[in-house]
Full PDB file with SEQRES, HELIX, SHEET, SSBOND, CRYST1, ORIGX, SCALE, CONECT and MASTER records, all heavy atoms in Angstrom:
SEQRES   1 A   33  MET VAL SER ILE PHE LYS ALA VAL LEU ASN THR ILE PRO          
SEQRES   2 A   33  ARG PRO ILE LEU ILE LYS ALA SER TYR TRP VAL ARG PRO          
SEQRES   3 A   33  VAL ILE ALA TRP TRP LEU LYS                                  
HELIX    1 AA1 VAL A    2  THR A   11  1                                  10    
HELIX    2 AA2 ARG A   14  TRP A   31  1                                  18    
CRYST1    1.000    1.000    1.000  90.00  90.00  90.00 P 1           1          
ORIGX1      1.000000  0.000000  0.000000        0.00000                         
ORIGX2      0.000000  1.000000  0.000000        0.00000                         
ORIGX3      0.000000  0.000000  1.000000        0.00000                         
SCALE1      1.000000  0.000000  0.000000        0.00000                         
SCALE2      0.000000  1.000000  0.000000        0.00000                         
SCALE3      0.000000  0.000000  1.000000        0.00000                         
ATOM      1  N   MET A   1     -16.777   9.966  11.084  1.00  0.00           N  
ATOM      2  CA  MET A   1     -16.692   8.665  11.754  1.00  0.00           C  
ATOM      3  C   MET A   1     -17.326   7.567  10.912  1.00  0.00           C  
ATOM      4  O   MET A   1     -16.755   6.514  10.682  1.00  0.00           O  
ATOM      5  CB  MET A   1     -17.374   8.739  13.125  1.00  0.00           C  
ATOM      6  CG  MET A   1     -17.487   7.402  13.866  1.00  0.00           C  
ATOM      7  SD  MET A   1     -15.947   6.826  14.549  1.00  0.00           S  
ATOM      8  CE  MET A   1     -15.817   7.922  15.959  1.00  0.00           C  
ATOM      9  N   VAL A   2     -18.566   7.811  10.430  1.00  0.00           N  
ATOM     10  CA  VAL A   2     -19.278   6.816   9.645  1.00  0.00           C  
ATOM     11  C   VAL A   2     -18.506   6.466   8.377  1.00  0.00           C  
ATOM     12  O   VAL A   2     -18.339   5.297   8.029  1.00  0.00           O  
ATOM     13  CB  VAL A   2     -20.699   7.314   9.288  1.00  0.00           C  
ATOM     14  CG1 VAL A   2     -21.357   6.374   8.295  1.00  0.00           C  
ATOM     15  CG2 VAL A   2     -21.545   7.436  10.549  1.00  0.00           C  
ATOM     16  N   SER A   3     -18.017   7.481   7.675  1.00  0.00           N  
ATOM     17  CA  SER A   3     -17.297   7.239   6.419  1.00  0.00           C  
ATOM     18  C   SER A   3     -15.992   6.503   6.655  1.00  0.00           C  
ATOM     19  O   SER A   3     -15.578   5.678   5.839  1.00  0.00           O  
ATOM     20  CB  SER A   3     -17.040   8.572   5.706  1.00  0.00           C  
ATOM     21  OG  SER A   3     -16.262   9.435   6.512  1.00  0.00           O  
ATOM     22  N   ILE A   4     -15.345   6.773   7.780  1.00  0.00           N  
ATOM     23  CA  ILE A   4     -14.082   6.092   8.098  1.00  0.00           C  
ATOM     24  C   ILE A   4     -14.317   4.604   8.303  1.00  0.00           C  
ATOM     25  O   ILE A   4     -13.615   3.757   7.729  1.00  0.00           O  
ATOM     26  CB  ILE A   4     -13.427   6.709   9.352  1.00  0.00           C  
ATOM     27  CG1 ILE A   4     -12.944   8.133   9.051  1.00  0.00           C  
ATOM     28  CG2 ILE A   4     -12.270   5.837   9.832  1.00  0.00           C  
ATOM     29  CD1 ILE A   4     -12.441   8.870  10.271  1.00  0.00           C  
ATOM     30  N   PHE A   5     -15.323   4.267   9.115  1.00  0.00           N  
ATOM     31  CA  PHE A   5     -15.588   2.856   9.384  1.00  0.00           C  
ATOM     32  C   PHE A   5     -16.068   2.133   8.132  1.00  0.00           C  
ATOM     33  O   PHE A   5     -15.735   0.966   7.922  1.00  0.00           O  
ATOM     34  CB  PHE A   5     -16.619   2.722  10.516  1.00  0.00           C  
ATOM     35  CG  PHE A   5     -16.004   2.822  11.880  1.00  0.00           C  
ATOM     36  CD1 PHE A   5     -15.995   4.020  12.565  1.00  0.00           C  
ATOM     37  CD2 PHE A   5     -15.415   1.719  12.476  1.00  0.00           C  
ATOM     38  CE1 PHE A   5     -15.416   4.121  13.823  1.00  0.00           C  
ATOM     39  CE2 PHE A   5     -14.837   1.808  13.728  1.00  0.00           C  
ATOM     40  CZ  PHE A   5     -14.837   3.006  14.414  1.00  0.00           C  
ATOM     41  N   LYS A   6     -16.830   2.809   7.306  1.00  0.00           N  
ATOM     42  CA  LYS A   6     -17.293   2.201   6.064  1.00  0.00           C  
ATOM     43  C   LYS A   6     -16.113   1.904   5.148  1.00  0.00           C  
ATOM     44  O   LYS A   6     -16.036   0.825   4.546  1.00  0.00           O  
ATOM     45  CB  LYS A   6     -18.282   3.135   5.367  1.00  0.00           C  
ATOM     46  CG  LYS A   6     -18.898   2.537   4.106  1.00  0.00           C  
ATOM     47  CD  LYS A   6     -19.955   3.473   3.547  1.00  0.00           C  
ATOM     48  CE  LYS A   6     -20.593   2.894   2.289  1.00  0.00           C  
ATOM     49  NZ  LYS A   6     -21.642   3.772   1.743  1.00  0.00           N  
ATOM     50  N   ALA A   7     -15.167   2.842   5.051  1.00  0.00           N  
ATOM     51  CA  ALA A   7     -13.994   2.642   4.201  1.00  0.00           C  
ATOM     52  C   ALA A   7     -13.131   1.491   4.719  1.00  0.00           C  
ATOM     53  O   ALA A   7     -12.623   0.669   3.943  1.00  0.00           O  
ATOM     54  CB  ALA A   7     -13.177   3.933   4.145  1.00  0.00           C  
ATOM     55  N   VAL A   8     -12.972   1.415   6.031  1.00  0.00           N  
ATOM     56  CA  VAL A   8     -12.171   0.340   6.632  1.00  0.00           C  
ATOM     57  C   VAL A   8     -12.786  -1.024   6.324  1.00  0.00           C  
ATOM     58  O   VAL A   8     -12.098  -1.971   5.912  1.00  0.00           O  
ATOM     59  CB  VAL A   8     -12.050   0.555   8.155  1.00  0.00           C  
ATOM     60  CG1 VAL A   8     -11.492  -0.699   8.831  1.00  0.00           C  
ATOM     61  CG2 VAL A   8     -11.154   1.747   8.454  1.00  0.00           C  
ATOM     62  N   LEU A   9     -14.094  -1.154   6.527  1.00  0.00           N  
ATOM     63  CA  LEU A   9     -14.770  -2.422   6.288  1.00  0.00           C  
ATOM     64  C   LEU A   9     -14.666  -2.877   4.842  1.00  0.00           C  
ATOM     65  O   LEU A   9     -14.543  -4.073   4.560  1.00  0.00           O  
ATOM     66  CB  LEU A   9     -16.249  -2.306   6.674  1.00  0.00           C  
ATOM     67  CG  LEU A   9     -16.583  -2.302   8.158  1.00  0.00           C  
ATOM     68  CD1 LEU A   9     -18.060  -2.016   8.355  1.00  0.00           C  
ATOM     69  CD2 LEU A   9     -16.215  -3.625   8.799  1.00  0.00           C  
ATOM     70  N   ASN A  10     -14.711  -1.918   3.913  1.00  0.00           N  
ATOM     71  CA  ASN A  10     -14.754  -2.264   2.492  1.00  0.00           C  
ATOM     72  C   ASN A  10     -13.385  -2.393   1.845  1.00  0.00           C  
ATOM     73  O   ASN A  10     -13.306  -2.803   0.690  1.00  0.00           O  
ATOM     74  CB  ASN A  10     -15.594  -1.235   1.733  1.00  0.00           C  
ATOM     75  CG  ASN A  10     -17.089  -1.433   1.934  1.00  0.00           C  
ATOM     76  OD1 ASN A  10     -17.678  -2.325   1.342  1.00  0.00           O  
ATOM     77  ND2 ASN A  10     -17.693  -0.619   2.782  1.00  0.00           N  
ATOM     78  N   THR A  11     -12.322  -2.059   2.563  1.00  0.00           N  
ATOM     79  CA  THR A  11     -10.998  -2.109   1.939  1.00  0.00           C  
ATOM     80  C   THR A  11     -10.021  -3.059   2.619  1.00  0.00           C  
ATOM     81  O   THR A  11      -9.117  -3.575   1.967  1.00  0.00           O  
ATOM     82  CB  THR A  11     -10.353  -0.705   1.904  1.00  0.00           C  
ATOM     83  OG1 THR A  11     -10.292  -0.166   3.242  1.00  0.00           O  
ATOM     84  CG2 THR A  11     -11.165   0.238   1.029  1.00  0.00           C  
ATOM     85  N   ILE A  12     -10.183  -3.303   3.908  1.00  0.00           N  
ATOM     86  CA  ILE A  12      -9.229  -4.142   4.636  1.00  0.00           C  
ATOM     87  C   ILE A  12      -9.795  -5.551   4.796  1.00  0.00           C  
ATOM     88  O   ILE A  12     -10.922  -5.711   5.268  1.00  0.00           O  
ATOM     89  CB  ILE A  12      -8.915  -3.542   6.025  1.00  0.00           C  
ATOM     90  CG1 ILE A  12      -8.308  -2.139   5.851  1.00  0.00           C  
ATOM     91  CG2 ILE A  12      -7.956  -4.439   6.796  1.00  0.00           C  
ATOM     92  CD1 ILE A  12      -7.996  -1.444   7.156  1.00  0.00           C  
ATOM     93  N   PRO A  13      -9.053  -6.586   4.403  1.00  0.00           N  
ATOM     94  CA  PRO A  13      -9.546  -7.967   4.514  1.00  0.00           C  
ATOM     95  C   PRO A  13      -9.917  -8.318   5.951  1.00  0.00           C  
ATOM     96  O   PRO A  13      -9.284  -7.871   6.901  1.00  0.00           O  
ATOM     97  CB  PRO A  13      -8.351  -8.800   4.028  1.00  0.00           C  
ATOM     98  CG  PRO A  13      -7.584  -7.870   3.133  1.00  0.00           C  
ATOM     99  CD  PRO A  13      -7.731  -6.515   3.758  1.00  0.00           C  
ATOM    100  N   ARG A  14     -10.955  -9.139   6.096  1.00  0.00           N  
ATOM    101  CA  ARG A  14     -11.481  -9.490   7.413  1.00  0.00           C  
ATOM    102  C   ARG A  14     -10.422 -10.091   8.352  1.00  0.00           C  
ATOM    103  O   ARG A  14     -10.378  -9.737   9.537  1.00  0.00           O  
ATOM    104  CB  ARG A  14     -12.659 -10.451   7.260  1.00  0.00           C  
ATOM    105  CG  ARG A  14     -13.501 -10.612   8.523  1.00  0.00           C  
ATOM    106  CD  ARG A  14     -14.584 -11.649   8.283  1.00  0.00           C  
ATOM    107  NE  ARG A  14     -15.411 -11.316   7.141  1.00  0.00           N  
ATOM    108  CZ  ARG A  14     -16.550 -10.647   7.227  1.00  0.00           C  
ATOM    109  NH1 ARG A  14     -16.988 -10.241   8.395  1.00  0.00           N  
ATOM    110  NH2 ARG A  14     -17.256 -10.388   6.148  1.00  0.00           N  
ATOM    111  N   PRO A  15      -9.556 -11.036   7.906  1.00  0.00           N  
ATOM    112  CA  PRO A  15      -8.556 -11.582   8.830  1.00  0.00           C  
ATOM    113  C   PRO A  15      -7.632 -10.516   9.426  1.00  0.00           C  
ATOM    114  O   PRO A  15      -7.247 -10.594  10.595  1.00  0.00           O  
ATOM    115  CB  PRO A  15      -7.762 -12.569   7.955  1.00  0.00           C  
ATOM    116  CG  PRO A  15      -8.726 -12.972   6.899  1.00  0.00           C  
ATOM    117  CD  PRO A  15      -9.519 -11.737   6.599  1.00  0.00           C  
ATOM    118  N   ILE A  16      -7.303  -9.497   8.632  1.00  0.00           N  
ATOM    119  CA  ILE A  16      -6.453  -8.413   9.141  1.00  0.00           C  
ATOM    120  C   ILE A  16      -7.225  -7.565  10.142  1.00  0.00           C  
ATOM    121  O   ILE A  16      -6.688  -7.143  11.182  1.00  0.00           O  
ATOM    122  CB  ILE A  16      -5.925  -7.552   7.977  1.00  0.00           C  
ATOM    123  CG1 ILE A  16      -5.015  -8.379   7.076  1.00  0.00           C  
ATOM    124  CG2 ILE A  16      -5.189  -6.321   8.504  1.00  0.00           C  
ATOM    125  CD1 ILE A  16      -4.528  -7.640   5.855  1.00  0.00           C  
ATOM    126  N   LEU A  17      -8.506  -7.308   9.857  1.00  0.00           N  
ATOM    127  CA  LEU A  17      -9.332  -6.548  10.788  1.00  0.00           C  
ATOM    128  C   LEU A  17      -9.432  -7.247  12.137  1.00  0.00           C  
ATOM    129  O   LEU A  17      -9.380  -6.608  13.195  1.00  0.00           O  
ATOM    130  CB  LEU A  17     -10.732  -6.349  10.205  1.00  0.00           C  
ATOM    131  CG  LEU A  17     -10.898  -5.311   9.100  1.00  0.00           C  
ATOM    132  CD1 LEU A  17     -12.326  -5.340   8.571  1.00  0.00           C  
ATOM    133  CD2 LEU A  17     -10.548  -3.928   9.601  1.00  0.00           C  
ATOM    134  N   ILE A  18      -9.568  -8.571  12.112  1.00  0.00           N  
ATOM    135  CA  ILE A  18      -9.669  -9.330  13.356  1.00  0.00           C  
ATOM    136  C   ILE A  18      -8.405  -9.172  14.185  1.00  0.00           C  
ATOM    137  O   ILE A  18      -8.454  -8.913  15.401  1.00  0.00           O  
ATOM    138  CB  ILE A  18      -9.939 -10.817  13.059  1.00  0.00           C  
ATOM    139  CG1 ILE A  18     -11.347 -10.984  12.474  1.00  0.00           C  
ATOM    140  CG2 ILE A  18      -9.787 -11.660  14.319  1.00  0.00           C  
ATOM    141  CD1 ILE A  18     -11.656 -12.394  11.990  1.00  0.00           C  
ATOM    142  N   LYS A  19      -7.251  -9.291  13.559  1.00  0.00           N  
ATOM    143  CA  LYS A  19      -5.995  -9.146  14.285  1.00  0.00           C  
ATOM    144  C   LYS A  19      -5.806  -7.732  14.822  1.00  0.00           C  
ATOM    145  O   LYS A  19      -5.406  -7.526  15.975  1.00  0.00           O  
ATOM    146  CB  LYS A  19      -4.820  -9.515  13.365  1.00  0.00           C  
ATOM    147  CG  LYS A  19      -4.753 -10.997  13.016  1.00  0.00           C  
ATOM    148  CD  LYS A  19      -3.572 -11.281  12.094  1.00  0.00           C  
ATOM    149  CE  LYS A  19      -3.480 -12.761  11.761  1.00  0.00           C  
ATOM    150  NZ  LYS A  19      -2.349 -13.063  10.844  1.00  0.00           N  
ATOM    151  N   ALA A  20      -6.111  -6.729  14.002  1.00  0.00           N  
ATOM    152  CA  ALA A  20      -5.915  -5.336  14.401  1.00  0.00           C  
ATOM    153  C   ALA A  20      -6.847  -4.928  15.535  1.00  0.00           C  
ATOM    154  O   ALA A  20      -6.504  -4.084  16.369  1.00  0.00           O  
ATOM    155  CB  ALA A  20      -6.131  -4.417  13.198  1.00  0.00           C  
ATOM    156  N   SER A  21      -8.021  -5.534  15.576  1.00  0.00           N  
ATOM    157  CA  SER A  21      -9.012  -5.124  16.573  1.00  0.00           C  
ATOM    158  C   SER A  21      -8.537  -5.354  17.998  1.00  0.00           C  
ATOM    159  O   SER A  21      -8.951  -4.644  18.921  1.00  0.00           O  
ATOM    160  CB  SER A  21     -10.323  -5.887  16.345  1.00  0.00           C  
ATOM    161  OG  SER A  21     -10.163  -7.270  16.624  1.00  0.00           O  
ATOM    162  N   TYR A  22      -7.679  -6.337  18.224  1.00  0.00           N  
ATOM    163  CA  TYR A  22      -7.198  -6.604  19.576  1.00  0.00           C  
ATOM    164  C   TYR A  22      -6.391  -5.430  20.125  1.00  0.00           C  
ATOM    165  O   TYR A  22      -6.348  -5.205  21.339  1.00  0.00           O  
ATOM    166  CB  TYR A  22      -6.357  -7.885  19.592  1.00  0.00           C  
ATOM    167  CG  TYR A  22      -7.197  -9.146  19.537  1.00  0.00           C  
ATOM    168  CD1 TYR A  22      -7.413  -9.816  18.340  1.00  0.00           C  
ATOM    169  CD2 TYR A  22      -7.806  -9.653  20.681  1.00  0.00           C  
ATOM    170  CE1 TYR A  22      -8.190 -10.957  18.279  1.00  0.00           C  
ATOM    171  CE2 TYR A  22      -8.577 -10.797  20.635  1.00  0.00           C  
ATOM    172  CZ  TYR A  22      -8.764 -11.448  19.432  1.00  0.00           C  
ATOM    173  OH  TYR A  22      -9.543 -12.577  19.376  1.00  0.00           O  
ATOM    174  N   TRP A  23      -5.758  -4.672  19.230  1.00  0.00           N  
ATOM    175  CA  TRP A  23      -4.970  -3.508  19.642  1.00  0.00           C  
ATOM    176  C   TRP A  23      -5.827  -2.252  19.745  1.00  0.00           C  
ATOM    177  O   TRP A  23      -5.644  -1.433  20.644  1.00  0.00           O  
ATOM    178  CB  TRP A  23      -3.835  -3.273  18.631  1.00  0.00           C  
ATOM    179  CG  TRP A  23      -2.871  -4.401  18.557  1.00  0.00           C  
ATOM    180  CD1 TRP A  23      -2.893  -5.461  17.689  1.00  0.00           C  
ATOM    181  CD2 TRP A  23      -1.732  -4.620  19.402  1.00  0.00           C  
ATOM    182  NE1 TRP A  23      -1.855  -6.316  17.934  1.00  0.00           N  
ATOM    183  CE2 TRP A  23      -1.116  -5.824  18.966  1.00  0.00           C  
ATOM    184  CE3 TRP A  23      -1.157  -3.916  20.458  1.00  0.00           C  
ATOM    185  CZ2 TRP A  23       0.032  -6.329  19.573  1.00  0.00           C  
ATOM    186  CZ3 TRP A  23      -0.012  -4.423  21.061  1.00  0.00           C  
ATOM    187  CH2 TRP A  23       0.567  -5.608  20.620  1.00  0.00           C  
ATOM    188  N   VAL A  24      -6.764  -2.104  18.836  1.00  0.00           N  
ATOM    189  CA  VAL A  24      -7.551  -0.872  18.755  1.00  0.00           C  
ATOM    190  C   VAL A  24      -8.695  -0.842  19.760  1.00  0.00           C  
ATOM    191  O   VAL A  24      -9.047   0.213  20.288  1.00  0.00           O  
ATOM    192  CB  VAL A  24      -8.091  -0.704  17.321  1.00  0.00           C  
ATOM    193  CG1 VAL A  24      -8.992   0.523  17.214  1.00  0.00           C  
ATOM    194  CG2 VAL A  24      -6.930  -0.601  16.322  1.00  0.00           C  
ATOM    195  N   ARG A  25      -9.265  -1.987  20.041  1.00  0.00           N  
ATOM    196  CA  ARG A  25     -10.471  -2.073  20.858  1.00  0.00           C  
ATOM    197  C   ARG A  25     -10.366  -1.377  22.224  1.00  0.00           C  
ATOM    198  O   ARG A  25     -11.262  -0.610  22.585  1.00  0.00           O  
ATOM    199  CB  ARG A  25     -10.863  -3.542  21.033  1.00  0.00           C  
ATOM    200  CG  ARG A  25     -12.121  -3.769  21.851  1.00  0.00           C  
ATOM    201  CD  ARG A  25     -12.566  -5.207  21.761  1.00  0.00           C  
ATOM    202  NE  ARG A  25     -11.504  -6.145  22.094  1.00  0.00           N  
ATOM    203  CZ  ARG A  25     -11.654  -7.467  22.064  1.00  0.00           C  
ATOM    204  NH1 ARG A  25     -12.805  -7.988  21.705  1.00  0.00           N  
ATOM    205  NH2 ARG A  25     -10.662  -8.253  22.385  1.00  0.00           N  
ATOM    206  N   PRO A  26      -9.300  -1.582  23.011  1.00  0.00           N  
ATOM    207  CA  PRO A  26      -9.239  -0.932  24.339  1.00  0.00           C  
ATOM    208  C   PRO A  26      -9.243   0.590  24.258  1.00  0.00           C  
ATOM    209  O   PRO A  26      -9.817   1.261  25.123  1.00  0.00           O  
ATOM    210  CB  PRO A  26      -7.927  -1.458  24.928  1.00  0.00           C  
ATOM    211  CG  PRO A  26      -7.633  -2.717  24.184  1.00  0.00           C  
ATOM    212  CD  PRO A  26      -8.146  -2.484  22.800  1.00  0.00           C  
ATOM    213  N   VAL A  27      -8.603   1.133  23.230  1.00  0.00           N  
ATOM    214  CA  VAL A  27      -8.528   2.588  23.088  1.00  0.00           C  
ATOM    215  C   VAL A  27      -9.916   3.159  22.786  1.00  0.00           C  
ATOM    216  O   VAL A  27     -10.345   4.149  23.391  1.00  0.00           O  
ATOM    217  CB  VAL A  27      -7.534   2.968  21.968  1.00  0.00           C  
ATOM    218  CG1 VAL A  27      -7.523   4.470  21.759  1.00  0.00           C  
ATOM    219  CG2 VAL A  27      -6.134   2.447  22.304  1.00  0.00           C  
ATOM    220  N   ILE A  28     -10.625   2.531  21.842  1.00  0.00           N  
ATOM    221  CA  ILE A  28     -11.950   3.017  21.471  1.00  0.00           C  
ATOM    222  C   ILE A  28     -12.925   2.866  22.635  1.00  0.00           C  
ATOM    223  O   ILE A  28     -13.762   3.742  22.888  1.00  0.00           O  
ATOM    224  CB  ILE A  28     -12.466   2.278  20.228  1.00  0.00           C  
ATOM    225  CG1 ILE A  28     -11.557   2.576  19.023  1.00  0.00           C  
ATOM    226  CG2 ILE A  28     -13.897   2.681  19.913  1.00  0.00           C  
ATOM    227  CD1 ILE A  28     -11.947   1.858  17.755  1.00  0.00           C  
ATOM    228  N   ALA A  29     -12.826   1.760  23.376  1.00  0.00           N  
ATOM    229  CA  ALA A  29     -13.718   1.547  24.520  1.00  0.00           C  
ATOM    230  C   ALA A  29     -13.517   2.629  25.575  1.00  0.00           C  
ATOM    231  O   ALA A  29     -14.480   3.114  26.177  1.00  0.00           O  
ATOM    232  CB  ALA A  29     -13.480   0.160  25.113  1.00  0.00           C  
ATOM    233  N   TRP A  30     -12.275   3.012  25.825  1.00  0.00           N  
ATOM    234  CA  TRP A  30     -11.989   4.075  26.796  1.00  0.00           C  
ATOM    235  C   TRP A  30     -12.547   5.415  26.310  1.00  0.00           C  
ATOM    236  O   TRP A  30     -13.150   6.166  27.072  1.00  0.00           O  
ATOM    237  CB  TRP A  30     -10.488   4.188  26.997  1.00  0.00           C  
ATOM    238  CG  TRP A  30     -10.096   5.381  27.826  1.00  0.00           C  
ATOM    239  CD1 TRP A  30     -10.098   5.495  29.184  1.00  0.00           C  
ATOM    240  CD2 TRP A  30      -9.688   6.662  27.321  1.00  0.00           C  
ATOM    241  NE1 TRP A  30      -9.704   6.748  29.563  1.00  0.00           N  
ATOM    242  CE2 TRP A  30      -9.449   7.491  28.449  1.00  0.00           C  
ATOM    243  CE3 TRP A  30      -9.491   7.183  26.045  1.00  0.00           C  
ATOM    244  CZ2 TRP A  30      -9.018   8.809  28.312  1.00  0.00           C  
ATOM    245  CZ3 TRP A  30      -9.078   8.488  25.914  1.00  0.00           C  
ATOM    246  CH2 TRP A  30      -8.850   9.294  27.043  1.00  0.00           C  
ATOM    247  N   TRP A  31     -12.376   5.673  25.015  1.00  0.00           N  
ATOM    248  CA  TRP A  31     -12.788   6.948  24.430  1.00  0.00           C  
ATOM    249  C   TRP A  31     -14.310   7.125  24.470  1.00  0.00           C  
ATOM    250  O   TRP A  31     -14.816   8.230  24.654  1.00  0.00           O  
ATOM    251  CB  TRP A  31     -12.279   7.003  22.984  1.00  0.00           C  
ATOM    252  CG  TRP A  31     -12.671   8.204  22.198  1.00  0.00           C  
ATOM    253  CD1 TRP A  31     -12.618   9.512  22.582  1.00  0.00           C  
ATOM    254  CD2 TRP A  31     -13.177   8.216  20.857  1.00  0.00           C  
ATOM    255  NE1 TRP A  31     -13.049  10.332  21.561  1.00  0.00           N  
ATOM    256  CE2 TRP A  31     -13.391   9.565  20.503  1.00  0.00           C  
ATOM    257  CE3 TRP A  31     -13.444   7.218  19.912  1.00  0.00           C  
ATOM    258  CZ2 TRP A  31     -13.887   9.932  19.252  1.00  0.00           C  
ATOM    259  CZ3 TRP A  31     -13.921   7.589  18.674  1.00  0.00           C  
ATOM    260  CH2 TRP A  31     -14.148   8.931  18.359  1.00  0.00           C  
ATOM    261  N   LEU A  32     -15.063   6.028  24.327  1.00  0.00           N  
ATOM    262  CA  LEU A  32     -16.511   6.108  24.236  1.00  0.00           C  
ATOM    263  C   LEU A  32     -17.231   5.756  25.543  1.00  0.00           C  
ATOM    264  O   LEU A  32     -18.463   5.644  25.551  1.00  0.00           O  
ATOM    265  CB  LEU A  32     -17.015   5.174  23.124  1.00  0.00           C  
ATOM    266  CG  LEU A  32     -16.659   5.572  21.688  1.00  0.00           C  
ATOM    267  CD1 LEU A  32     -17.177   4.534  20.704  1.00  0.00           C  
ATOM    268  CD2 LEU A  32     -17.227   6.953  21.335  1.00  0.00           C  
ATOM    269  N   LYS A  33     -16.530   5.603  26.633  1.00  0.00           N  
ATOM    270  CA  LYS A  33     -17.189   5.211  27.886  1.00  0.00           C  
ATOM    271  C   LYS A  33     -18.245   6.242  28.282  1.00  0.00           C  
ATOM    272  O   LYS A  33     -18.085   7.447  28.092  1.00  0.00           O  
ATOM    273  CB  LYS A  33     -16.164   5.038  29.003  1.00  0.00           C  
ATOM    274  CG  LYS A  33     -15.360   6.278  29.362  1.00  0.00           C  
ATOM    275  CD  LYS A  33     -14.341   5.937  30.427  1.00  0.00           C  
ATOM    276  CE  LYS A  33     -13.496   7.174  30.776  1.00  0.00           C  
ATOM    277  NZ  LYS A  33     -12.500   6.877  31.829  1.00  0.00           N  
TER     278      LYS A  33                                                      
MASTER        0    0    0    2    0    0    0    6  277    1    0    3          
END                                                                             
């Protein structure tokens, strides 16, 4: 998990991360409740 998030932060431009987060966020929130 840690290595995945580190790789994402260091390789994907911030504007793309912001847009993608709107789709990914609900799934992760449900998974970690």
